[in-house]
Amino acid sequence: MSEKKKDDDKKASAKKPAKAAGKGGAKAAGKADAKSSAKKSGAKANKKTKKDTLPSGLEKLPKKAYKKEVKRLQAELVEMQAWVKDTGSRMVVIFEGRDAAGKGSAIKRITQYLNPRHAKVVALPAPTERQTTQWYFQRYIEHLPAAGEIVIMDRSWYNRAGVERVMGFCTTDEYRRFLHQAPIFERLLVEDGIMLRKYWFSVSDEEQERRFRDRASDPMRRWKLSPMDIESINRWEEYSRAKDEMFVHTDIPEAPWYTVESEDKKRSRINVMSHLLSTVPWERLDPPNLEIPERTSTGTYERPPREEFKYVPDVAAKLLEKG
């Protein structure tokens, strides 16, 4: 056989498809395909599970459903505020809890559409030297609401039972005096007609640490992380004991503590908004019938030339070029 003939036979043989194996081979191939398919399905399932669950293992709320419910609750909060203003009611809502437990983001959603003239957030800094010589509750009293107002406290007089106690910023006598006086002080507020609500945001140590790490790596939120927050990691159990002791002395019928499970911030926002609305005897009021009049003009006004004024440059127009 010539060399050319041999080469042609080899090429032809290479082009021929491999013969199907026997029954055993077919079964093996089928099993391999099934195994491969199962692996792909499992990978998809795992991917979906990771996508639909939080690091804590909780199932994520559907984004569309979450946004819709938040908007609904915010609309009711606006109506509740209208009732508070109309009836001259006074409300104080206290937000306490672990660092990074979600207090701030919940307050942001609650106040987003409220009238800021009649609703304010109080987040006091460390007391001044003068304030440290006053009665402990004194600096909080000036922020209490007048008729028709809602005051939301992002941390409150309970600093003394928490961070001040754990970090040694107050004496044992001052701490014990606070636990004795806080219920008396709050009963006086409620007796005078103030609606007082107290919420404790609870989060696990693992989730808190994860949020700390997120903040540390995010330039936009790094300011939220303080040395005091970092120190709280090492003092987790001390804070737990302080919180338990605080509840024992200050969880009173006139002003009970309500714990908000905040492992999932979105759930906690919906839950606290819904609960707050349910604890206030507000009623939906008919909004005033406002008519927008037609603009009248005398025709005598002449606008000065634009060149005489300074305008902010329209840098936003550059986005049209990029788009």
C-alpha atoms as a PDB file:
ATOM      1  CA  MET A   1       0.000   0.000   0.000  1.00  0.00           C
ATOM      2  CA  SER A   2       1.353   3.389  -0.981  1.00  0.00           C
ATOM      3  CA  GLU A   3       2.169   6.017   1.667  1.00  0.00           C
ATOM      4  CA  LYS A   4      -0.530   8.280   0.191  1.00  0.00           C
ATOM      5  CA  LYS A   5      -3.142   5.523   0.543  1.00  0.00           C
ATOM      6  CA  LYS A   6      -2.192   4.952   4.194  1.00  0.00           C
ATOM      7  CA  ASP A   7      -2.488   8.666   4.968  1.00  0.00           C
ATOM      8  CA  ASP A   8      -5.925   8.838   3.322  1.00  0.00           C
ATOM      9  CA  ASP A   9      -7.111   5.840   5.377  1.00  0.00           C
ATOM     10  CA  LYS A  10      -5.922   7.473   8.611  1.00  0.00           C
ATOM     11  CA  LYS A  11      -7.747  10.719   7.792  1.00  0.00           C
ATOM     12  CA  ALA A  12     -10.927   8.875   6.942  1.00  0.00           C
ATOM     13  CA  SER A  13     -10.700   6.888  10.174  1.00  0.00           C
ATOM     14  CA  ALA A  14     -10.223  10.057  12.196  1.00  0.00           C
ATOM     15  CA  LYS A  15     -13.335  11.630  10.634  1.00  0.00           C
ATOM     16  CA  LYS A  16     -15.558   8.612  11.430  1.00  0.00           C
ATOM     17  CA  PRO A  17     -17.661   9.009  14.605  1.00  0.00           C
ATOM     18  CA  ALA A  18     -16.873   6.645  17.452  1.00  0.00           C
ATOM     19  CA  LYS A  19     -19.119   3.597  17.526  1.00  0.00           C
ATOM     20  CA  ALA A  20     -21.685   3.541  20.274  1.00  0.00           C
ATOM     21  CA  ALA A  21     -20.697   1.414  23.213  1.00  0.00           C
ATOM     22  CA  GLY A  22     -22.784  -1.494  24.313  1.00  0.00           C
ATOM     23  CA  LYS A  23     -25.731  -1.326  26.721  1.00  0.00           C
ATOM     24  CA  GLY A  24     -23.389  -0.978  29.687  1.00  0.00           C
ATOM     25  CA  GLY A  25     -21.668   1.939  28.082  1.00  0.00           C
ATOM     26  CA  ALA A  26     -24.991   3.644  27.337  1.00  0.00           C
ATOM     27  CA  LYS A  27     -26.079   3.266  30.963  1.00  0.00           C
ATOM     28  CA  ALA A  28     -22.790   4.682  32.199  1.00  0.00           C
ATOM     29  CA  ALA A  29     -23.146   7.631  29.853  1.00  0.00           C
ATOM     30  CA  GLY A  30     -26.718   8.181  31.060  1.00  0.00           C
ATOM     31  CA  LYS A  31     -25.624   8.142  34.694  1.00  0.00           C
ATOM     32  CA  ALA A  32     -22.845  10.603  33.935  1.00  0.00           C
ATOM     33  CA  ASP A  33     -25.313  12.956  32.221  1.00  0.00           C
ATOM     34  CA  ALA A  34     -27.754  12.662  35.136  1.00  0.00           C
ATOM     35  CA  LYS A  35     -24.971  13.329  37.637  1.00  0.00           C
ATOM     36  CA  SER A  36     -23.825  16.367  35.670  1.00  0.00           C
ATOM     37  CA  SER A  37     -27.401  17.654  35.462  1.00  0.00           C
ATOM     38  CA  ALA A  38     -27.878  17.138  39.199  1.00  0.00           C
ATOM     39  CA  LYS A  39     -24.702  19.081  39.923  1.00  0.00           C
ATOM     40  CA  LYS A  40     -25.894  21.974  37.765  1.00  0.00           C
ATOM     41  CA  SER A  41     -29.318  21.947  39.450  1.00  0.00           C
ATOM     42  CA  GLY A  42     -27.686  21.848  42.873  1.00  0.00           C
ATOM     43  CA  ALA A  43     -25.402  24.726  41.976  1.00  0.00           C
ATOM     44  CA  LYS A  44     -28.387  26.766  40.795  1.00  0.00           C
ATOM     45  CA  ALA A  45     -30.295  25.932  43.963  1.00  0.00           C
ATOM     46  CA  ASN A  46     -27.349  26.933  46.140  1.00  0.00           C
ATOM     47  CA  LYS A  47     -26.928  30.125  44.156  1.00  0.00           C
ATOM     48  CA  LYS A  48     -30.603  30.933  44.586  1.00  0.00           C
ATOM     49  CA  THR A  49     -30.447  30.135  48.288  1.00  0.00           C
ATOM     50  CA  LYS A  50     -27.502  32.491  48.809  1.00  0.00           C
ATOM     51  CA  LYS A  51     -29.256  35.172  46.795  1.00  0.00           C
ATOM     52  CA  ASP A  52     -32.549  34.881  48.676  1.00  0.00           C
ATOM     53  CA  THR A  53     -31.174  34.613  52.207  1.00  0.00           C
ATOM     54  CA  LEU A  54     -29.238  36.883  54.532  1.00  0.00           C
ATOM     55  CA  PRO A  55     -25.920  35.923  56.165  1.00  0.00           C
ATOM     56  CA  SER A  56     -27.976  35.135  59.276  1.00  0.00           C
ATOM     57  CA  GLY A  57     -29.990  32.563  57.308  1.00  0.00           C
ATOM     58  CA  LEU A  58     -33.213  34.591  57.304  1.00  0.00           C
ATOM     59  CA  GLU A  59     -35.115  34.667  54.044  1.00  0.00           C
ATOM     60  CA  LYS A  60     -34.922  38.025  52.312  1.00  0.00           C
ATOM     61  CA  LEU A  61     -38.102  39.993  51.795  1.00  0.00           C
ATOM     62  CA  PRO A  62     -38.990  40.483  48.127  1.00  0.00           C
ATOM     63  CA  LYS A  63     -37.764  43.968  47.204  1.00  0.00           C
ATOM     64  CA  LYS A  64     -40.992  44.979  45.464  1.00  0.00           C
ATOM     65  CA  ALA A  65     -43.194  43.826  48.349  1.00  0.00           C
ATOM     66  CA  TYR A  66     -40.914  45.539  50.884  1.00  0.00           C
ATOM     67  CA  LYS A  67     -40.984  48.888  49.100  1.00  0.00           C
ATOM     68  CA  LYS A  68     -44.744  48.735  48.646  1.00  0.00           C
ATOM     69  CA  GLU A  69     -45.352  48.011  52.338  1.00  0.00           C
ATOM     70  CA  VAL A  70     -42.955  50.738  53.486  1.00  0.00           C
ATOM     71  CA  LYS A  71     -44.765  53.282  51.300  1.00  0.00           C
ATOM     72  CA  ARG A  72     -48.124  52.189  52.696  1.00  0.00           C
ATOM     73  CA  LEU A  73     -46.918  52.528  56.276  1.00  0.00           C
ATOM     74  CA  GLN A  74     -45.289  55.880  55.565  1.00  0.00           C
ATOM     75  CA  ALA A  75     -48.600  57.159  54.205  1.00  0.00           C
ATOM     76  CA  GLU A  76     -50.291  56.082  57.440  1.00  0.00           C
ATOM     77  CA  LEU A  77     -47.572  57.769  59.493  1.00  0.00           C
ATOM     78  CA  VAL A  78     -48.315  61.022  57.657  1.00  0.00           C
ATOM     79  CA  GLU A  79     -51.996  60.595  58.521  1.00  0.00           C
ATOM     80  CA  MET A  80     -51.103  59.791  62.120  1.00  0.00           C
ATOM     81  CA  GLN A  81     -49.043  62.973  62.335  1.00  0.00           C
ATOM     82  CA  ALA A  82     -51.987  64.983  61.012  1.00  0.00           C
ATOM     83  CA  TRP A  83     -54.095  63.519  63.834  1.00  0.00           C
ATOM     84  CA  VAL A  84     -51.386  64.337  66.413  1.00  0.00           C
ATOM     85  CA  LYS A  85     -51.285  67.943  65.206  1.00  0.00           C
ATOM     86  CA  ASP A  86     -55.065  68.278  64.993  1.00  0.00           C
ATOM     87  CA  THR A  87     -55.668  66.890  68.491  1.00  0.00           C
ATOM     88  CA  GLY A  88     -52.711  68.639  70.113  1.00  0.00           C
ATOM     89  CA  SER A  89     -51.279  65.303  71.203  1.00  0.00           C
ATOM     90  CA  ARG A  90     -47.641  64.865  72.239  1.00  0.00           C
ATOM     91  CA  MET A  91     -45.505  61.863  71.429  1.00  0.00           C
ATOM     92  CA  VAL A  92     -42.014  60.692  72.376  1.00  0.00           C
ATOM     93  CA  VAL A  93     -40.563  57.621  70.663  1.00  0.00           C
ATOM     94  CA  ILE A  94     -37.310  56.229  72.080  1.00  0.00           C
ATOM     95  CA  PHE A  95     -34.978  54.109  69.947  1.00  0.00           C
ATOM     96  CA  GLU A  96     -32.341  52.174  71.861  1.00  0.00           C
ATOM     97  CA  GLY A  97     -30.302  49.079  71.095  1.00  0.00           C
ATOM     98  CA  ARG A  98     -26.947  47.710  70.081  1.00  0.00           C
ATOM     99  CA  ASP A  99     -24.595  49.692  67.883  1.00  0.00           C
ATOM    100  CA  ALA A 100     -25.378  49.010  64.205  1.00  0.00           C
ATOM    101  CA  ALA A 101     -28.705  47.420  65.141  1.00  0.00           C
ATOM    102  CA  GLY A 102     -30.630  49.498  62.582  1.00  0.00           C
ATOM    103  CA  LYS A 103     -32.069  52.303  64.715  1.00  0.00           C
ATOM    104  CA  GLY A 104     -30.959  55.096  62.406  1.00  0.00           C
ATOM    105  CA  SER A 105     -32.270  53.527  59.205  1.00  0.00           C
ATOM    106  CA  ALA A 106     -35.632  52.810  60.862  1.00  0.00           C
ATOM    107  CA  ILE A 107     -35.903  56.418  62.062  1.00  0.00           C
ATOM    108  CA  LYS A 108     -35.061  57.614  58.551  1.00  0.00           C
ATOM    109  CA  ARG A 109     -37.969  55.647  57.061  1.00  0.00           C
ATOM    110  CA  ILE A 110     -40.379  56.793  59.759  1.00  0.00           C
ATOM    111  CA  THR A 111     -39.595  60.493  59.352  1.00  0.00           C
ATOM    112  CA  GLN A 112     -39.039  60.538  55.579  1.00  0.00           C
ATOM    113  CA  TYR A 113     -42.416  62.113  54.738  1.00  0.00           C
ATOM    114  CA  LEU A 114     -43.348  63.653  58.086  1.00  0.00           C
ATOM    115  CA  ASN A 115     -43.677  67.418  58.394  1.00  0.00           C
ATOM    116  CA  PRO A 116     -40.359  68.478  59.999  1.00  0.00           C
ATOM    117  CA  ARG A 117     -42.046  71.472  61.623  1.00  0.00           C
ATOM    118  CA  HIS A 118     -43.940  69.112  63.898  1.00  0.00           C
ATOM    119  CA  ALA A 119     -41.604  66.102  64.037  1.00  0.00           C
ATOM    120  CA  LYS A 120     -37.953  66.138  65.020  1.00  0.00           C
ATOM    121  CA  VAL A 121     -35.180  63.659  65.709  1.00  0.00           C
ATOM    122  CA  VAL A 122     -33.088  64.194  68.831  1.00  0.00           C
ATOM    123  CA  ALA A 123     -29.605  62.660  68.917  1.00  0.00           C
ATOM    124  CA  LEU A 124     -27.682  64.388  71.668  1.00  0.00           C
ATOM    125  CA  PRO A 125     -23.875  64.392  71.835  1.00  0.00           C
ATOM    126  CA  ALA A 126     -21.924  63.707  75.009  1.00  0.00           C
ATOM    127  CA  PRO A 127     -22.943  66.090  77.805  1.00  0.00           C
ATOM    128  CA  THR A 128     -20.984  69.289  78.309  1.00  0.00           C
ATOM    129  CA  GLU A 129     -19.080  69.946  81.502  1.00  0.00           C
ATOM    130  CA  ARG A 130     -21.951  72.118  82.719  1.00  0.00           C
ATOM    131  CA  GLN A 131     -24.560  69.486  81.877  1.00  0.00           C
ATOM    132  CA  THR A 132     -22.698  66.882  83.906  1.00  0.00           C
ATOM    133  CA  THR A 133     -23.431  68.992  87.001  1.00  0.00           C
ATOM    134  CA  GLN A 134     -27.185  69.157  86.277  1.00  0.00           C
ATOM    135  CA  TRP A 135     -29.907  66.706  87.168  1.00  0.00           C
ATOM    136  CA  TYR A 136     -29.321  63.846  84.742  1.00  0.00           C
ATOM    137  CA  PHE A 137     -32.700  64.163  82.951  1.00  0.00           C
ATOM    138  CA  GLN A 138     -32.470  67.941  82.647  1.00  0.00           C
ATOM    139  CA  ARG A 139     -30.878  68.157  79.207  1.00  0.00           C
ATOM    140  CA  TYR A 140     -33.534  65.851  77.772  1.00  0.00           C
ATOM    141  CA  ILE A 141     -36.472  67.809  79.176  1.00  0.00           C
ATOM    142  CA  GLU A 142     -35.907  70.786  76.867  1.00  0.00           C
ATOM    143  CA  HIS A 143     -36.462  68.476  73.878  1.00  0.00           C
ATOM    144  CA  LEU A 144     -39.838  67.148  75.027  1.00  0.00           C
ATOM    145  CA  PRO A 145     -42.699  67.900  72.612  1.00  0.00           C
ATOM    146  CA  ALA A 146     -45.237  70.692  72.726  1.00  0.00           C
ATOM    147  CA  ALA A 147     -48.815  70.186  71.539  1.00  0.00           C
ATOM    148  CA  GLY A 148     -49.013  68.588  68.097  1.00  0.00           C
ATOM    149  CA  GLU A 149     -45.388  67.454  68.046  1.00  0.00           C
ATOM    150  CA  ILE A 150     -43.606  64.114  67.673  1.00  0.00           C
ATOM    151  CA  VAL A 151     -40.101  63.708  69.096  1.00  0.00           C
ATOM    152  CA  ILE A 152     -38.025  60.692  68.108  1.00  0.00           C
ATOM    153  CA  MET A 153     -34.962  60.035  70.230  1.00  0.00           C
ATOM    154  CA  ASP A 154     -32.041  58.274  68.586  1.00  0.00           C
ATOM    155  CA  ARG A 155     -30.703  57.106  71.935  1.00  0.00           C
ATOM    156  CA  SER A 156     -32.003  58.816  75.031  1.00  0.00           C
ATOM    157  CA  TRP A 157     -31.632  59.083  78.789  1.00  0.00           C
ATOM    158  CA  TYR A 158     -31.013  55.337  78.706  1.00  0.00           C
ATOM    159  CA  ASN A 159     -27.393  56.071  77.818  1.00  0.00           C
ATOM    160  CA  ARG A 160     -26.802  55.976  81.547  1.00  0.00           C
ATOM    161  CA  ALA A 161     -28.048  52.401  81.822  1.00  0.00           C
ATOM    162  CA  GLY A 162     -26.025  51.294  78.801  1.00  0.00           C
ATOM    163  CA  VAL A 163     -22.822  52.872  77.567  1.00  0.00           C
ATOM    164  CA  GLU A 164     -22.232  54.986  80.685  1.00  0.00           C
ATOM    165  CA  ARG A 165     -22.618  51.968  82.935  1.00  0.00           C
ATOM    166  CA  VAL A 166     -20.459  49.636  80.827  1.00  0.00           C
ATOM    167  CA  MET A 167     -17.716  52.144  79.983  1.00  0.00           C
ATOM    168  CA  GLY A 168     -17.524  53.562  83.496  1.00  0.00           C
ATOM    169  CA  PHE A 169     -18.736  57.067  82.585  1.00  0.00           C
ATOM    170  CA  CYS A 170     -20.925  57.199  85.683  1.00  0.00           C
ATOM    171  CA  THR A 171     -20.529  56.051  89.269  1.00  0.00           C
ATOM    172  CA  THR A 172     -22.410  53.109  90.733  1.00  0.00           C
ATOM    173  CA  ASP A 173     -24.478  55.524  92.833  1.00  0.00           C
ATOM    174  CA  GLU A 174     -25.417  57.561  89.746  1.00  0.00           C
ATOM    175  CA  TYR A 175     -26.359  54.375  87.921  1.00  0.00           C
ATOM    176  CA  ARG A 176     -28.531  53.087  90.784  1.00  0.00           C
ATOM    177  CA  ARG A 177     -30.168  56.499  91.128  1.00  0.00           C
ATOM    178  CA  PHE A 178     -31.019  56.443  87.432  1.00  0.00           C
ATOM    179  CA  LEU A 179     -32.678  53.017  87.631  1.00  0.00           C
ATOM    180  CA  HIS A 180     -34.771  54.332  90.522  1.00  0.00           C
ATOM    181  CA  GLN A 181     -35.695  57.673  88.939  1.00  0.00           C
ATOM    182  CA  ALA A 182     -36.289  56.642  85.305  1.00  0.00           C
ATOM    183  CA  PRO A 183     -39.647  54.916  85.978  1.00  0.00           C
ATOM    184  CA  ILE A 184     -40.762  57.866  88.123  1.00  0.00           C
ATOM    185  CA  PHE A 185     -39.739  60.349  85.424  1.00  0.00           C
ATOM    186  CA  GLU A 186     -41.537  58.391  82.709  1.00  0.00           C
ATOM    187  CA  ARG A 187     -44.694  57.999  84.775  1.00  0.00           C
ATOM    188  CA  LEU A 188     -44.763  61.782  85.176  1.00  0.00           C
ATOM    189  CA  LEU A 189     -44.498  62.214  81.401  1.00  0.00           C
ATOM    190  CA  VAL A 190     -47.296  59.738  80.722  1.00  0.00           C
ATOM    191  CA  GLU A 191     -49.455  61.186  83.507  1.00  0.00           C
ATOM    192  CA  ASP A 192     -49.094  64.603  81.885  1.00  0.00           C
ATOM    193  CA  GLY A 193     -50.444  63.220  78.615  1.00  0.00           C
ATOM    194  CA  ILE A 194     -47.308  62.396  76.630  1.00  0.00           C
ATOM    195  CA  MET A 195     -47.513  59.187  74.614  1.00  0.00           C
ATOM    196  CA  LEU A 196     -44.214  57.441  75.357  1.00  0.00           C
ATOM    197  CA  ARG A 197     -43.012  54.502  73.262  1.00  0.00           C
ATOM    198  CA  LYS A 198     -39.734  52.659  73.901  1.00  0.00           C
ATOM    199  CA  TYR A 199     -38.109  50.333  71.352  1.00  0.00           C
ATOM    200  CA  TRP A 200     -35.042  48.154  71.808  1.00  0.00           C
ATOM    201  CA  PHE A 201     -33.376  46.979  68.576  1.00  0.00           C
ATOM    202  CA  SER A 202     -31.853  43.528  69.049  1.00  0.00           C
ATOM    203  CA  VAL A 203     -29.133  42.069  66.817  1.00  0.00           C
ATOM    204  CA  SER A 204     -26.778  39.106  67.174  1.00  0.00           C
ATOM    205  CA  ASP A 205     -23.063  39.535  67.794  1.00  0.00           C
ATOM    206  CA  GLU A 206     -22.240  37.914  64.427  1.00  0.00           C
ATOM    207  CA  GLU A 207     -24.525  40.260  62.497  1.00  0.00           C
ATOM    208  CA  GLN A 208     -23.281  43.303  64.400  1.00  0.00           C
ATOM    209  CA  GLU A 209     -19.673  42.438  63.583  1.00  0.00           C
ATOM    210  CA  ARG A 210     -20.562  41.925  59.916  1.00  0.00           C
ATOM    211  CA  ARG A 211     -22.164  45.384  59.797  1.00  0.00           C
ATOM    212  CA  PHE A 212     -19.136  46.909  61.492  1.00  0.00           C
ATOM    213  CA  ARG A 213     -16.900  45.401  58.809  1.00  0.00           C
ATOM    214  CA  ASP A 214     -19.190  46.729  56.073  1.00  0.00           C
ATOM    215  CA  ARG A 215     -18.981  50.208  57.549  1.00  0.00           C
ATOM    216  CA  ALA A 216     -15.215  50.042  57.921  1.00  0.00           C
ATOM    217  CA  SER A 217     -14.820  49.234  54.213  1.00  0.00           C
ATOM    218  CA  ASP A 218     -17.355  51.816  52.988  1.00  0.00           C
ATOM    219  CA  PRO A 219     -15.991  55.404  52.724  1.00  0.00           C
ATOM    220  CA  MET A 220     -19.565  56.740  52.663  1.00  0.00           C
ATOM    221  CA  ARG A 221     -20.490  55.148  55.987  1.00  0.00           C
ATOM    222  CA  ARG A 222     -17.171  54.887  57.788  1.00  0.00           C
ATOM    223  CA  TRP A 223     -18.066  57.907  59.920  1.00  0.00           C
ATOM    224  CA  LYS A 224     -20.732  55.771  61.614  1.00  0.00           C
ATOM    225  CA  LEU A 225     -18.051  53.560  63.136  1.00  0.00           C
ATOM    226  CA  SER A 226     -16.481  54.982  66.298  1.00  0.00           C
ATOM    227  CA  PRO A 227     -13.831  53.646  68.692  1.00  0.00           C
ATOM    228  CA  MET A 228     -16.682  53.146  71.161  1.00  0.00           C
ATOM    229  CA  ASP A 229     -18.412  50.862  68.659  1.00  0.00           C
ATOM    230  CA  ILE A 230     -15.262  48.788  68.250  1.00  0.00           C
ATOM    231  CA  GLU A 231     -14.877  48.514  72.008  1.00  0.00           C
ATOM    232  CA  SER A 232     -18.446  47.212  72.286  1.00  0.00           C
ATOM    233  CA  ILE A 233     -17.333  44.021  70.499  1.00  0.00           C
ATOM    234  CA  ASN A 234     -15.152  43.091  73.452  1.00  0.00           C
ATOM    235  CA  ARG A 235     -17.822  44.114  75.946  1.00  0.00           C
ATOM    236  CA  TRP A 236     -20.743  42.233  74.404  1.00  0.00           C
ATOM    237  CA  GLU A 237     -21.628  40.331  77.565  1.00  0.00           C
ATOM    238  CA  GLU A 238     -21.311  43.427  79.746  1.00  0.00           C
ATOM    239  CA  TYR A 239     -23.759  45.263  77.500  1.00  0.00           C
ATOM    240  CA  SER A 240     -26.076  42.248  77.629  1.00  0.00           C
ATOM    241  CA  ARG A 241     -26.099  42.261  81.417  1.00  0.00           C
ATOM    242  CA  ALA A 242     -26.644  46.033  81.489  1.00  0.00           C
ATOM    243  CA  LYS A 243     -29.584  45.724  79.109  1.00  0.00           C
ATOM    244  CA  ASP A 244     -31.149  42.925  81.182  1.00  0.00           C
ATOM    245  CA  GLU A 245     -30.810  44.988  84.368  1.00  0.00           C
ATOM    246  CA  MET A 246     -32.286  48.012  82.612  1.00  0.00           C
ATOM    247  CA  PHE A 247     -35.341  46.033  81.536  1.00  0.00           C
ATOM    248  CA  VAL A 248     -35.880  44.718  85.067  1.00  0.00           C
ATOM    249  CA  HIS A 249     -36.137  48.244  86.489  1.00  0.00           C
ATOM    250  CA  THR A 250     -37.655  50.281  83.637  1.00  0.00           C
ATOM    251  CA  ASP A 251     -40.061  47.951  81.821  1.00  0.00           C
ATOM    252  CA  ILE A 252     -43.171  49.435  83.441  1.00  0.00           C
ATOM    253  CA  PRO A 253     -46.857  49.126  82.442  1.00  0.00           C
ATOM    254  CA  GLU A 254     -47.102  52.854  81.727  1.00  0.00           C
ATOM    255  CA  ALA A 255     -44.091  52.734  79.389  1.00  0.00           C
ATOM    256  CA  PRO A 256     -43.127  49.163  78.461  1.00  0.00           C
ATOM    257  CA  TRP A 257     -40.149  48.140  76.375  1.00  0.00           C
ATOM    258  CA  TYR A 258     -40.829  46.610  72.957  1.00  0.00           C
ATOM    259  CA  THR A 259     -38.022  44.534  71.443  1.00  0.00           C
ATOM    260  CA  VAL A 260     -37.520  44.782  67.682  1.00  0.00           C
ATOM    261  CA  GLU A 261     -35.739  41.790  66.151  1.00  0.00           C
ATOM    262  CA  SER A 262     -33.294  43.499  63.802  1.00  0.00           C
ATOM    263  CA  GLU A 263     -31.259  40.708  62.241  1.00  0.00           C
ATOM    264  CA  ASP A 264     -32.916  41.838  59.006  1.00  0.00           C
ATOM    265  CA  LYS A 265     -33.104  45.633  58.835  1.00  0.00           C
ATOM    266  CA  LYS A 266     -35.910  45.631  56.291  1.00  0.00           C
ATOM    267  CA  ARG A 267     -38.114  43.434  58.463  1.00  0.00           C
ATOM    268  CA  SER A 268     -37.360  45.556  61.528  1.00  0.00           C
ATOM    269  CA  ARG A 269     -38.356  48.766  59.732  1.00  0.00           C
ATOM    270  CA  ILE A 270     -41.704  47.375  58.682  1.00  0.00           C
ATOM    271  CA  ASN A 271     -42.321  45.810  62.088  1.00  0.00           C
ATOM    272  CA  VAL A 272     -41.545  48.921  64.125  1.00  0.00           C
ATOM    273  CA  MET A 273     -43.563  51.230  61.860  1.00  0.00           C
ATOM    274  CA  SER A 274     -46.531  48.881  61.963  1.00  0.00           C
ATOM    275  CA  HIS A 275     -46.318  48.486  65.739  1.00  0.00           C
ATOM    276  CA  LEU A 276     -45.998  52.215  66.387  1.00  0.00           C
ATOM    277  CA  LEU A 277     -49.098  52.903  64.310  1.00  0.00           C
ATOM    278  CA  SER A 278     -51.007  50.200  66.192  1.00  0.00           C
ATOM    279  CA  THR A 279     -50.245  51.728  69.610  1.00  0.00           C
ATOM    280  CA  VAL A 280     -51.579  55.200  68.816  1.00  0.00           C
ATOM    281  CA  PRO A 281     -55.372  55.786  68.769  1.00  0.00           C
ATOM    282  CA  TRP A 282     -55.133  57.957  65.659  1.00  0.00           C
ATOM    283  CA  GLU A 283     -57.942  58.499  63.201  1.00  0.00           C
ATOM    284  CA  ARG A 284     -57.855  59.338  59.529  1.00  0.00           C
ATOM    285  CA  LEU A 285     -58.862  62.965  58.999  1.00  0.00           C
ATOM    286  CA  ASP A 286     -60.350  64.456  55.880  1.00  0.00           C
ATOM    287  CA  PRO A 287     -57.649  66.617  54.315  1.00  0.00           C
ATOM    288  CA  PRO A 288     -58.508  70.287  53.763  1.00  0.00           C
ATOM    289  CA  ASN A 289     -59.859  71.103  50.330  1.00  0.00           C
ATOM    290  CA  LEU A 290     -57.105  73.230  48.860  1.00  0.00           C
ATOM    291  CA  GLU A 291     -57.773  75.009  45.591  1.00  0.00           C
ATOM    292  CA  ILE A 292     -54.909  76.345  43.535  1.00  0.00           C
ATOM    293  CA  PRO A 293     -55.949  79.778  42.229  1.00  0.00           C
ATOM    294  CA  GLU A 294     -55.161  80.987  38.752  1.00  0.00           C
ATOM    295  CA  ARG A 295     -52.117  83.180  38.678  1.00  0.00           C
ATOM    296  CA  THR A 296     -52.899  86.844  38.154  1.00  0.00           C
ATOM    297  CA  SER A 297     -50.558  89.229  36.447  1.00  0.00           C
ATOM    298  CA  THR A 298     -50.560  93.004  36.156  1.00  0.00           C
ATOM    299  CA  GLY A 299     -48.190  92.857  33.224  1.00  0.00           C
ATOM    300  CA  THR A 300     -46.027  95.574  34.728  1.00  0.00           C
ATOM    301  CA  TYR A 301     -43.183  93.416  36.061  1.00  0.00           C
ATOM    302  CA  GLU A 302     -40.015  93.292  34.007  1.00  0.00           C
ATOM    303  CA  ARG A 303     -37.329  90.828  34.989  1.00  0.00           C
ATOM    304  CA  PRO A 304     -33.775  92.197  35.259  1.00  0.00           C
ATOM    305  CA  PRO A 305     -31.227  90.833  32.771  1.00  0.00           C
ATOM    306  CA  ARG A 306     -29.882  87.405  33.724  1.00  0.00           C
ATOM    307  CA  GLU A 307     -26.335  88.646  33.277  1.00  0.00           C
ATOM    308  CA  GLU A 308     -26.685  90.691  36.458  1.00  0.00           C
ATOM    309  CA  PHE A 309     -26.975  87.561  38.617  1.00  0.00           C
ATOM    310  CA  LYS A 310     -24.744  84.650  39.512  1.00  0.00           C
ATOM    311  CA  TYR A 311     -26.050  81.187  38.618  1.00  0.00           C
ATOM    312  CA  VAL A 312     -24.944  77.715  39.584  1.00  0.00           C
ATOM    313  CA  PRO A 313     -23.266  76.084  36.545  1.00  0.00           C
ATOM    314  CA  ASP A 314     -25.338  73.410  34.825  1.00  0.00           C
ATOM    315  CA  VAL A 315     -22.833  70.579  35.258  1.00  0.00           C
ATOM    316  CA  ALA A 316     -25.725  68.108  35.082  1.00  0.00           C
ATOM    317  CA  ALA A 317     -25.954  68.832  31.351  1.00  0.00           C
ATOM    318  CA  LYS A 318     -22.704  66.916  30.878  1.00  0.00           C
ATOM    319  CA  LEU A 319     -24.571  63.748  31.762  1.00  0.00           C
ATOM    320  CA  LEU A 320     -26.577  64.139  28.560  1.00  0.00           C
ATOM    321  CA  GLU A 321     -23.367  63.895  26.571  1.00  0.00           C
ATOM    322  CA  LYS A 322     -22.374  60.708  28.391  1.00  0.00           C
ATOM    323  CA  GLY A 323     -25.818  59.224  27.921  1.00  0.00           C
END
